[in-house]
Amino acid sequence: MTWLAVFFTLTVAVSAPTPSSAVKVIFDTDMYTDYDDIGALAMLHAMTDAGEAELLAVTQCTRGNSGLAVVEMINRYYGRPDLPVGCLHGIGVQGTGAKGFGLLDKYAGWYQHVDNQTAPDAVEVFRRTLVAQPDDSVVICAVGYLSNLRLLLESQGDAESPLGGRELVAKKVKKTVIMACSYPNGSEHNSAGDWESSKIVFEQWPTPIVFVDYQYGRDLYAGRAVAESAGDWNPVKDAFKNRLTPREQVTATSYDRLAGHPSWDEAAVLAAVRPLSRYFNTEQGTFRMVGTNGNDEWVADSASPHARVTVKMPKEDVGRVIDELMTRLPKNGSQK
């Protein structure tokens, strides 16, 4: 029996969840340039299959690309082709260079929105989804630019609910996990890309925020296992296989390593669904945006409702947890 099989068997035996304990998640992703978003979405589906999560909707926070098509093909692969999806409209990052991670031709027919601007507005999807859930029950996991979260905050009451966005979030959301920022200061892709939205969210968001920053995920490696897994029709495998540095080209200073690719977004999913103390230590405080160039800084504060994750479980072991989830086969998935 492989270590993956042993780990999975022990995990299920010790901590098998009940349906009522499933963590309700809305996943907000840029799905644009890096493919750790794909690994993170795969994990959420695997956790939903196992009953420890309930993936409610997926929204994309970049415009003008085919990233949402990738979301849809992954949703179909895991047997959830009707999962609500939405896309950023109006502001934020225009990502015309993203061409679906090389997956569009192979998985033609697995998606509706080759141009993500044809998809429903992400804020409408957020509001509709939140209104339908019990109070204080939803976790938002945001692993891209914060444009959608800003627009949600600024949204007005509508036919779904008379509450404005800030009030709706305060009523329905119990925790928000954000992958962003550079510790202790600097400029990081997600928070800097639409820095004005980051500033608004960091200052006005009404629920506790858990930050997974650049420094935590940069040397957390996973993905080689799924890239080298069996099977011909798996968009998660294909994305990692197409993009991951081949084993023979890996060096001591490579961006990717033998274990895989930096795993920022996958770490955010663990923080969103499972108890933080299982994998992470935390430091109370918050990130804030500084100036107008996308810079951020960490402000430690023991009284803050917000926190950043720090190392507890060795990152090599966290990477193995991520790999186990990304390599699980769907319970009711789609084949060719």
Protein backbone atom coordinates (compact mmCIF):
# COMPACT_ATOMS: atom_id res chain seq x y z
CA MET A 1 0.00 0.00 0.00
CA THR A 2 1.36 3.44 -0.88
CA TRP A 3 1.80 6.23 1.69
CA LEU A 4 -1.05 8.08 -0.04
CA ALA A 5 -3.40 5.15 0.51
CA VAL A 6 -2.30 4.78 4.12
CA PHE A 7 -2.74 8.51 4.79
CA PHE A 8 -6.20 8.53 3.22
CA THR A 9 -7.31 5.46 5.16
CA LEU A 10 -6.16 6.91 8.48
CA THR A 11 -7.66 10.32 7.75
CA VAL A 12 -11.07 8.86 6.91
CA ALA A 13 -11.04 6.53 9.90
CA VAL A 14 -10.11 9.24 12.39
CA SER A 15 -11.98 12.30 11.15
CA ALA A 16 -14.78 11.27 8.81
CA PRO A 17 -17.19 14.22 8.82
CA THR A 18 -20.94 14.15 9.07
CA PRO A 19 -23.02 15.93 6.38
CA SER A 20 -24.12 18.60 8.86
CA SER A 21 -20.48 19.50 9.58
CA ALA A 22 -19.59 20.27 5.98
CA VAL A 23 -17.99 23.70 5.65
CA LYS A 24 -19.89 25.84 3.14
CA VAL A 25 -17.44 27.53 0.75
CA ILE A 26 -17.60 30.14 -1.99
CA PHE A 27 -14.35 30.07 -3.96
CA ASP A 28 -13.17 33.29 -5.61
CA THR A 29 -10.26 32.73 -8.02
CA ASP A 30 -8.34 34.68 -10.62
CA MET A 31 -7.80 31.43 -12.64
CA TYR A 32 -5.60 33.45 -14.92
CA THR A 33 -1.84 32.80 -14.97
CA ASP A 34 -0.80 30.43 -12.18
CA TYR A 35 -2.28 26.97 -11.85
CA ASP A 36 -2.30 26.61 -8.07
CA ASP A 37 -5.90 27.85 -8.46
CA ILE A 38 -6.63 24.59 -10.30
CA GLY A 39 -5.16 22.54 -7.49
CA ALA A 40 -7.16 24.50 -4.92
CA LEU A 41 -10.43 23.96 -6.79
CA ALA A 42 -9.65 20.25 -7.11
CA MET A 43 -9.16 20.07 -3.34
CA LEU A 44 -12.51 21.73 -2.69
CA HIS A 45 -14.25 19.21 -4.93
CA ALA A 46 -12.46 16.30 -3.22
CA MET A 47 -13.45 17.66 0.18
CA THR A 48 -17.03 18.07 -1.03
CA ASP A 49 -17.02 14.46 -2.23
CA ALA A 50 -15.90 13.43 1.26
CA GLY A 51 -18.58 15.48 3.01
CA GLU A 52 -16.20 17.81 4.84
CA ALA A 53 -16.96 20.76 2.54
CA GLU A 54 -19.88 21.97 0.48
CA LEU A 55 -18.71 23.96 -2.53
CA LEU A 56 -21.52 26.46 -3.11
CA ALA A 57 -20.25 28.53 -6.06
CA VAL A 58 -17.11 29.60 -7.90
CA THR A 59 -16.46 33.16 -9.02
CA GLN A 60 -13.63 34.52 -11.14
CA CYS A 61 -11.96 37.84 -10.35
CA THR A 62 -10.30 38.57 -13.72
CA ARG A 63 -11.99 39.70 -16.93
CA GLY A 64 -11.55 38.93 -20.61
CA ASN A 65 -10.04 35.44 -20.55
CA SER A 66 -10.99 31.78 -20.62
CA GLY A 67 -10.27 30.98 -16.99
CA LEU A 68 -13.91 30.35 -16.20
CA ALA A 69 -13.94 27.65 -18.88
CA VAL A 70 -11.26 25.88 -16.83
CA VAL A 71 -13.41 26.24 -13.71
CA GLU A 72 -16.33 24.68 -15.58
CA MET A 73 -14.33 21.74 -16.93
CA ILE A 74 -13.01 20.97 -13.44
CA ASN A 75 -16.54 21.23 -12.04
CA ARG A 76 -17.70 18.76 -14.69
CA TYR A 77 -14.77 16.42 -14.05
CA TYR A 78 -15.91 16.17 -10.44
CA GLY A 79 -19.54 15.66 -11.42
CA ARG A 80 -20.83 19.18 -10.67
CA PRO A 81 -21.44 20.77 -14.09
CA ASP A 82 -24.33 22.85 -12.72
CA LEU A 83 -22.39 24.49 -9.90
CA PRO A 84 -23.09 28.25 -9.99
CA VAL A 85 -20.28 30.30 -11.55
CA GLY A 86 -19.82 34.01 -12.11
CA CYS A 87 -17.25 36.49 -13.30
CA LEU A 88 -15.99 39.95 -12.47
CA HIS A 89 -17.58 42.75 -14.50
CA GLY A 90 -16.70 46.40 -14.80
CA ILE A 91 -13.46 46.92 -12.85
CA GLY A 92 -10.25 45.11 -12.08
CA VAL A 93 -7.70 43.12 -14.04
CA GLN A 94 -8.22 42.36 -17.72
CA GLY A 95 -6.49 39.06 -18.42
CA THR A 96 -6.60 38.62 -22.17
CA GLY A 97 -3.48 36.47 -22.25
CA ALA A 98 -5.00 33.47 -20.47
CA LYS A 99 -5.93 30.73 -22.93
CA GLY A 100 -7.27 28.08 -20.64
CA PHE A 101 -3.94 26.53 -19.56
CA GLY A 102 -3.80 24.56 -22.82
CA LEU A 103 -6.94 22.59 -21.95
CA LEU A 104 -9.63 24.12 -24.16
CA ASP A 105 -9.25 21.87 -27.19
CA LYS A 106 -9.01 18.57 -25.33
CA TYR A 107 -12.02 19.39 -23.15
CA ALA A 108 -14.17 21.09 -25.76
CA GLY A 109 -17.81 20.61 -24.78
CA TRP A 110 -17.00 20.58 -21.07
CA TYR A 111 -17.59 24.32 -20.62
CA GLN A 112 -19.96 27.12 -21.66
CA HIS A 113 -17.97 30.31 -21.17
CA VAL A 114 -14.86 30.36 -23.35
CA ASP A 115 -15.15 34.13 -22.89
CA ASN A 116 -15.75 34.67 -19.20
CA GLN A 117 -17.56 37.95 -19.86
CA THR A 118 -20.57 35.94 -21.04
CA ALA A 119 -20.95 34.51 -17.51
CA PRO A 120 -23.26 35.90 -14.80
CA ASP A 121 -21.95 38.79 -12.74
CA ALA A 122 -19.94 37.48 -9.79
CA VAL A 123 -21.60 39.85 -7.32
CA GLU A 124 -25.03 38.53 -8.29
CA VAL A 125 -23.78 34.98 -7.74
CA PHE A 126 -22.29 35.94 -4.38
CA ARG A 127 -25.45 37.63 -3.19
CA ARG A 128 -27.82 34.91 -4.39
CA THR A 129 -25.65 32.23 -2.80
CA LEU A 130 -25.23 34.01 0.53
CA VAL A 131 -28.94 34.79 0.88
CA ALA A 132 -29.78 31.09 0.51
CA GLN A 133 -27.50 30.00 3.39
CA PRO A 134 -28.00 30.07 7.16
CA ASP A 135 -26.59 33.01 9.07
CA ASP A 136 -22.92 32.83 10.05
CA SER A 137 -22.34 29.69 7.98
CA VAL A 138 -20.30 30.54 4.86
CA VAL A 139 -16.54 30.64 4.38
CA ILE A 140 -15.24 32.73 1.50
CA CYS A 141 -11.90 31.57 0.12
CA ALA A 142 -10.39 34.27 -2.12
CA VAL A 143 -7.17 33.40 -3.95
CA GLY A 144 -6.88 36.20 -6.49
CA TYR A 145 -7.46 39.91 -6.85
CA LEU A 146 -9.97 41.34 -4.39
CA SER A 147 -12.13 43.12 -6.97
CA ASN A 148 -15.14 40.84 -6.51
CA LEU A 149 -15.02 41.14 -2.72
CA ARG A 150 -14.88 44.92 -2.98
CA LEU A 151 -17.87 45.00 -5.34
CA LEU A 152 -19.75 42.67 -3.02
CA LEU A 153 -19.11 45.04 -0.12
CA GLU A 154 -20.33 47.98 -2.19
CA SER A 155 -23.42 46.21 -3.57
CA GLN A 156 -26.89 47.52 -2.79
CA GLY A 157 -29.99 45.68 -1.67
CA ASP A 158 -31.82 43.89 -4.46
CA ALA A 159 -34.56 41.37 -5.14
CA GLU A 160 -32.55 38.71 -3.32
CA SER A 161 -32.15 40.73 -0.11
CA PRO A 162 -32.71 44.32 1.05
CA LEU A 163 -29.34 44.21 2.80
CA GLY A 164 -26.37 46.06 1.40
CA GLY A 165 -23.27 44.04 0.71
CA ARG A 166 -21.43 44.80 3.94
CA GLU A 167 -24.47 43.89 6.01
CA LEU A 168 -25.09 40.73 4.00
CA VAL A 169 -21.50 39.57 4.47
CA ALA A 170 -21.66 40.32 8.20
CA LYS A 171 -24.86 38.28 8.48
CA LYS A 172 -23.92 35.23 6.41
CA VAL A 173 -20.12 34.85 6.42
CA LYS A 174 -18.31 33.38 9.41
CA LYS A 175 -14.73 33.48 8.09
CA THR A 176 -12.84 34.72 5.05
CA VAL A 177 -9.52 33.29 3.89
CA ILE A 178 -7.47 35.52 1.60
CA MET A 179 -4.30 34.50 -0.22
CA ALA A 180 -2.47 37.80 -0.62
CA CYS A 181 0.26 40.14 0.62
CA SER A 182 3.97 39.95 1.35
CA TYR A 183 5.23 39.57 4.91
CA PRO A 184 6.39 41.68 6.67
CA ASN A 185 6.01 44.13 3.80
CA GLY A 186 6.38 44.37 0.06
CA SER A 187 4.30 43.96 -3.08
CA GLU A 188 2.47 40.72 -3.87
CA HIS A 189 0.62 39.77 -7.06
CA ASN A 190 -2.91 39.38 -5.70
CA SER A 191 -3.05 42.35 -3.35
CA ALA A 192 -1.11 44.65 -5.70
CA GLY A 193 -2.98 43.80 -8.90
CA ASP A 194 -6.04 45.81 -7.86
CA TRP A 195 -4.59 47.59 -4.86
CA GLU A 196 -7.54 49.94 -4.45
CA SER A 197 -9.89 46.99 -3.98
CA SER A 198 -7.42 45.36 -1.58
CA LYS A 199 -7.33 48.53 0.51
CA ILE A 200 -11.11 48.72 0.69
CA VAL A 201 -11.49 45.05 1.62
CA PHE A 202 -8.75 45.09 4.26
CA GLU A 203 -10.24 48.19 5.89
CA GLN A 204 -13.96 47.44 5.63
CA TRP A 205 -14.48 43.67 5.62
CA PRO A 206 -16.80 42.85 8.55
CA THR A 207 -15.73 39.27 9.34
CA PRO A 208 -12.48 37.74 10.58
CA ILE A 209 -9.86 37.34 7.82
CA VAL A 210 -7.20 34.64 7.74
CA PHE A 211 -4.30 35.64 5.48
CA VAL A 212 -2.14 33.13 3.64
CA ASP A 213 0.73 35.31 2.48
CA TYR A 214 3.33 34.91 -0.23
CA GLN A 215 6.02 33.77 2.18
CA TYR A 216 3.99 30.86 3.51
CA GLY A 217 3.12 29.34 0.15
CA ARG A 218 6.30 30.04 -1.80
CA ASP A 219 8.25 27.05 -0.47
CA LEU A 220 5.27 24.76 0.06
CA TYR A 221 5.49 22.32 -2.85
CA ALA A 222 2.85 19.94 -4.20
CA GLY A 223 1.49 18.73 -7.53
CA ARG A 224 4.04 16.24 -8.82
CA ALA A 225 1.81 13.40 -7.64
CA VAL A 226 -1.19 14.53 -9.68
CA ALA A 227 0.97 15.40 -12.69
CA GLU A 228 2.30 11.84 -12.76
CA SER A 229 -0.97 10.10 -11.84
CA ALA A 230 -2.76 7.61 -14.09
CA GLY A 231 -5.69 8.40 -16.35
CA ASP A 232 -6.23 10.18 -19.66
CA TRP A 233 -9.16 12.49 -18.87
CA ASN A 234 -8.34 14.66 -15.91
CA PRO A 235 -7.96 18.44 -16.44
CA VAL A 236 -6.23 18.83 -13.06
CA LYS A 237 -3.59 16.28 -14.01
CA ASP A 238 -3.19 17.80 -17.47
CA ALA A 239 -2.71 21.34 -16.15
CA PHE A 240 0.03 20.27 -13.74
CA LYS A 241 1.65 17.97 -16.29
CA ASN A 242 1.68 20.75 -18.93
CA ARG A 243 3.09 23.44 -16.64
CA LEU A 244 5.22 21.77 -13.99
CA THR A 245 9.00 21.81 -14.51
CA PRO A 246 10.05 18.28 -15.62
CA ARG A 247 11.93 16.24 -13.04
CA GLU A 248 15.14 16.21 -15.08
CA GLN A 249 15.20 20.01 -15.23
CA VAL A 250 14.73 20.62 -11.51
CA THR A 251 17.72 22.10 -9.67
CA ALA A 252 18.37 23.31 -6.13
CA THR A 253 17.29 26.81 -7.20
CA SER A 254 14.35 25.93 -9.50
CA TYR A 255 11.05 27.72 -9.07
CA ASP A 256 9.36 24.29 -9.06
CA ARG A 257 10.90 21.41 -7.13
CA LEU A 258 10.70 17.63 -7.28
CA ALA A 259 7.65 17.67 -5.02
CA GLY A 260 5.85 20.12 -7.31
CA HIS A 261 4.79 23.74 -7.57
CA PRO A 262 4.42 26.48 -4.92
CA SER A 263 1.05 25.97 -3.27
CA TRP A 264 -0.34 29.28 -2.08
CA ASP A 265 -3.95 28.66 -3.07
CA GLU A 266 -4.01 25.07 -1.90
CA ALA A 267 -2.83 26.24 1.54
CA ALA A 268 -5.70 28.73 1.56
CA VAL A 269 -8.18 25.88 1.00
CA LEU A 270 -6.80 23.96 3.98
CA ALA A 271 -7.17 27.12 6.07
CA ALA A 272 -10.73 27.59 4.82
CA VAL A 273 -12.06 24.08 5.41
CA ARG A 274 -10.05 22.37 8.13
CA PRO A 275 -9.22 23.58 11.65
CA LEU A 276 -6.34 26.03 11.45
CA SER A 277 -4.55 24.43 14.38
CA ARG A 278 -4.18 21.15 12.48
CA TYR A 279 -1.61 22.63 10.10
CA PHE A 280 -0.81 26.20 11.11
CA ASN A 281 0.17 28.49 13.88
CA THR A 282 -1.26 32.00 13.61
CA GLU A 283 -0.26 35.56 14.43
CA GLN A 284 -2.97 38.12 15.17
CA GLY A 285 -2.95 41.37 13.22
CA THR A 286 -3.78 42.55 9.74
CA PHE A 287 -2.26 43.54 6.43
CA ARG A 288 -2.82 47.05 5.18
CA MET A 289 -2.10 48.66 1.85
CA VAL A 290 0.46 51.48 1.85
CA GLY A 291 0.59 54.24 -0.75
CA THR A 292 -0.57 53.82 -4.34
CA ASN A 293 1.93 51.32 -5.79
CA GLY A 294 0.45 48.10 -4.46
CA ASN A 295 2.69 47.85 -1.40
CA ASP A 296 1.47 46.24 1.79
CA GLU A 297 2.69 45.86 5.36
CA TRP A 298 1.80 43.61 8.27
CA VAL A 299 0.62 45.24 11.49
CA ALA A 300 0.73 42.85 14.45
CA ASP A 301 -2.11 43.35 16.94
CA SER A 302 -3.11 40.81 19.58
CA ALA A 303 -6.61 42.31 19.69
CA SER A 304 -7.24 42.05 15.95
CA PRO A 305 -9.93 39.63 14.68
CA HIS A 306 -7.63 38.91 11.73
CA ALA A 307 -4.55 36.69 11.54
CA ARG A 308 -1.88 35.33 9.24
CA VAL A 309 -0.87 31.68 9.12
CA THR A 310 2.63 30.64 10.12
CA VAL A 311 4.45 27.34 10.13
CA LYS A 312 3.35 24.55 12.47
CA MET A 313 3.27 21.26 10.56
CA PRO A 314 6.42 20.93 8.42
CA LYS A 315 5.68 22.19 4.94
CA GLU A 316 6.78 18.89 3.40
CA ASP A 317 3.98 17.20 5.32
CA VAL A 318 1.45 19.89 4.39
CA GLY A 319 2.43 19.31 0.75
CA ARG A 320 1.65 15.62 1.13
CA VAL A 321 -1.80 16.47 2.52
CA ILE A 322 -2.42 18.67 -0.54
CA ASP A 323 -1.20 15.95 -2.89
CA GLU A 324 -3.50 13.36 -1.33
CA LEU A 325 -6.50 15.60 -1.91
CA MET A 326 -5.56 16.61 -5.46
CA THR A 327 -5.06 12.99 -6.52
CA ARG A 328 -8.39 11.66 -5.22
CA LEU A 329 -10.63 10.41 -8.00
CA PRO A 330 -14.09 11.99 -8.25
CA LYS A 331 -16.99 10.12 -6.67
CA ASN A 332 -19.34 10.93 -9.55
CA GLY A 333 -17.06 12.43 -12.16
CA SER A 334 -17.33 12.82 -15.91
CA GLN A 335 -15.29 10.88 -18.40
CA LYS A 336 -14.80 11.58 -22.10
